[in-house]
Protein backbone atom coordinates (compact mmCIF):
# COMPACT_ATOMS: atom_id res chain seq x y z
CA MET A 1 0.76 -12.59 -13.75
CA SER A 2 4.20 -14.07 -13.20
CA GLN A 3 4.61 -15.29 -9.52
CA ALA A 4 8.26 -14.04 -9.72
CA LYS A 5 6.55 -10.32 -9.80
CA ALA A 6 4.25 -10.94 -6.77
CA LEU A 7 5.17 -10.32 -3.27
CA GLU A 8 5.17 -12.99 -0.86
CA ILE A 9 2.38 -13.17 1.61
CA PRO A 10 3.95 -12.85 5.17
CA PRO A 11 4.00 -16.17 7.43
CA ALA A 12 1.84 -14.45 9.94
CA VAL A 13 -0.85 -13.70 7.43
CA GLU A 14 -0.89 -17.18 6.12
CA SER A 15 -1.52 -18.70 9.41
CA ASP A 16 -4.46 -16.46 10.02
CA PRO A 17 -7.71 -17.90 8.74
CA LYS A 18 -9.37 -14.42 8.94
CA ALA A 19 -6.65 -12.46 7.35
CA ILE A 20 -8.08 -10.16 4.13
CA GLU A 21 -6.22 -8.13 1.68
CA ILE A 22 -6.66 -4.66 2.21
CA ALA A 23 -5.21 -3.11 -1.08
CA ARG A 24 -3.18 -4.34 -4.12
CA ILE A 25 -1.11 -1.85 -5.90
CA ARG A 26 0.69 -2.67 -9.11
CA ALA A 27 2.94 -0.56 -11.45
CA ALA A 28 2.02 -0.95 -15.28
CA HIS A 29 2.12 1.05 -18.24
CA GLY A 30 3.98 3.90 -16.22
CA LYS A 31 0.97 4.20 -13.87
CA GLN A 32 -0.19 3.07 -10.52
CA HIS A 33 -3.15 0.62 -10.64
CA VAL A 34 -4.92 0.13 -7.26
CA HIS A 35 -7.74 -2.21 -6.06
CA LEU A 36 -8.75 -1.70 -2.59
CA ARG A 37 -11.33 -3.00 -0.11
CA SER A 38 -12.96 0.46 0.30
CA GLY A 39 -15.74 -0.96 2.74
CA LEU A 40 -13.42 -2.26 5.13
CA TRP A 41 -13.76 0.49 7.86
CA GLU A 42 -17.02 2.60 8.36
CA ASP A 43 -14.78 5.58 9.36
CA SER A 44 -12.88 6.41 6.38
CA GLY A 45 -10.30 8.26 8.81
CA ASN A 46 -8.99 4.74 9.38
CA TRP A 47 -7.30 4.71 6.03
CA GLY A 48 -5.11 7.55 7.38
CA ILE A 49 -3.81 5.10 10.13
CA MET A 50 -3.26 2.54 7.69
CA LEU A 51 -1.20 4.95 5.42
CA VAL A 52 0.99 6.22 8.06
CA ASP A 53 1.55 2.52 9.49
CA LEU A 54 2.63 1.92 5.68
CA ALA A 55 4.89 4.97 5.73
CA ARG A 56 6.47 3.39 8.80
CA HIS A 57 7.07 0.08 7.14
CA VAL A 58 8.74 1.67 4.24
CA ALA A 59 11.09 3.62 6.51
CA ASN A 60 11.94 0.54 8.31
CA ALA A 61 12.49 -1.32 5.17
CA TYR A 62 14.77 1.48 3.79
CA GLU A 63 16.93 1.49 7.18
CA GLN A 64 17.17 -2.16 7.23
CA ASP A 65 18.66 -2.26 3.61
CA GLY A 66 20.91 0.58 4.48
CA ARG A 67 19.09 3.18 2.28
CA GLY A 68 18.56 5.50 4.89
CA ASP A 69 17.82 6.51 8.51
CA TYR A 70 14.33 5.44 9.55
CA PHE A 71 13.54 9.12 10.87
CA ASP A 72 15.06 10.97 7.72
CA VAL A 73 13.13 8.61 5.35
CA LEU A 74 9.89 9.10 7.20
CA ALA A 75 10.49 13.03 6.85
CA ARG A 76 10.98 12.79 3.23
CA ILE A 77 7.83 10.72 2.77
CA ARG A 78 5.88 13.30 4.63
CA GLU A 79 7.55 16.11 2.54
CA ILE A 80 6.42 14.75 -0.84
CA LEU A 81 3.20 13.56 0.64
CA ASP A 82 2.51 17.37 1.84
CA ALA A 83 3.56 18.61 -1.60
CA GLU A 84 1.62 16.01 -3.48
CA TRP A 85 -1.29 16.62 -1.27
CA ASP A 86 -1.07 20.37 -2.18
CA SER A 87 -0.43 20.09 -5.78
CA PRO A 88 -1.21 16.71 -7.26
CA THR A 89 0.80 15.25 -10.04
CA ASP A 90 -2.28 13.00 -11.11
CA ILE A 91 -5.86 12.54 -10.01
CA ALA A 92 -7.05 9.21 -9.05
CA ARG A 93 -9.64 7.81 -11.45
CA GLY A 94 -11.39 4.49 -11.47
CA ARG A 95 -14.38 2.63 -10.75
CA LEU A 96 -16.02 0.73 -8.07
CA THR A 97 -16.25 -2.82 -9.12
CA GLY A 98 -18.19 -4.27 -6.02
CA GLU A 99 -15.97 -7.31 -6.07
CA PRO A 100 -13.06 -7.88 -3.62
CA PRO A 101 -9.81 -8.63 -5.28
CA PRO A 102 -9.31 -12.39 -5.83
CA ASP A 103 -7.58 -14.36 -3.72
CA GLU A 104 -4.14 -15.37 -5.31
CA PRO A 105 -1.33 -17.56 -3.73
CA ASN A 106 1.83 -15.73 -3.18
CA VAL A 107 0.52 -12.38 -3.92
């Protein structure tokens, strides 16, 4: 994959020798392709914390680049999350590979 299409690794991550990738999401062929480290936490509820943290990062990014107010963006994310939760537009399918994502520079 072209490095131009990959996101940068944050500097704080590069300086931590214990850092690991939790999830990788790619858009290809009109669909999301997800590779995640499912065994990271014993309690699956921790994924809920991670997803809320991710939503807050998205809201922060939208506010920083002038596309919306932080709290308005969070409310919109939650509105669509609840709608998708109640009436999924797609069903997640995949398989467990047993292998963590490969380490790639600048991904």
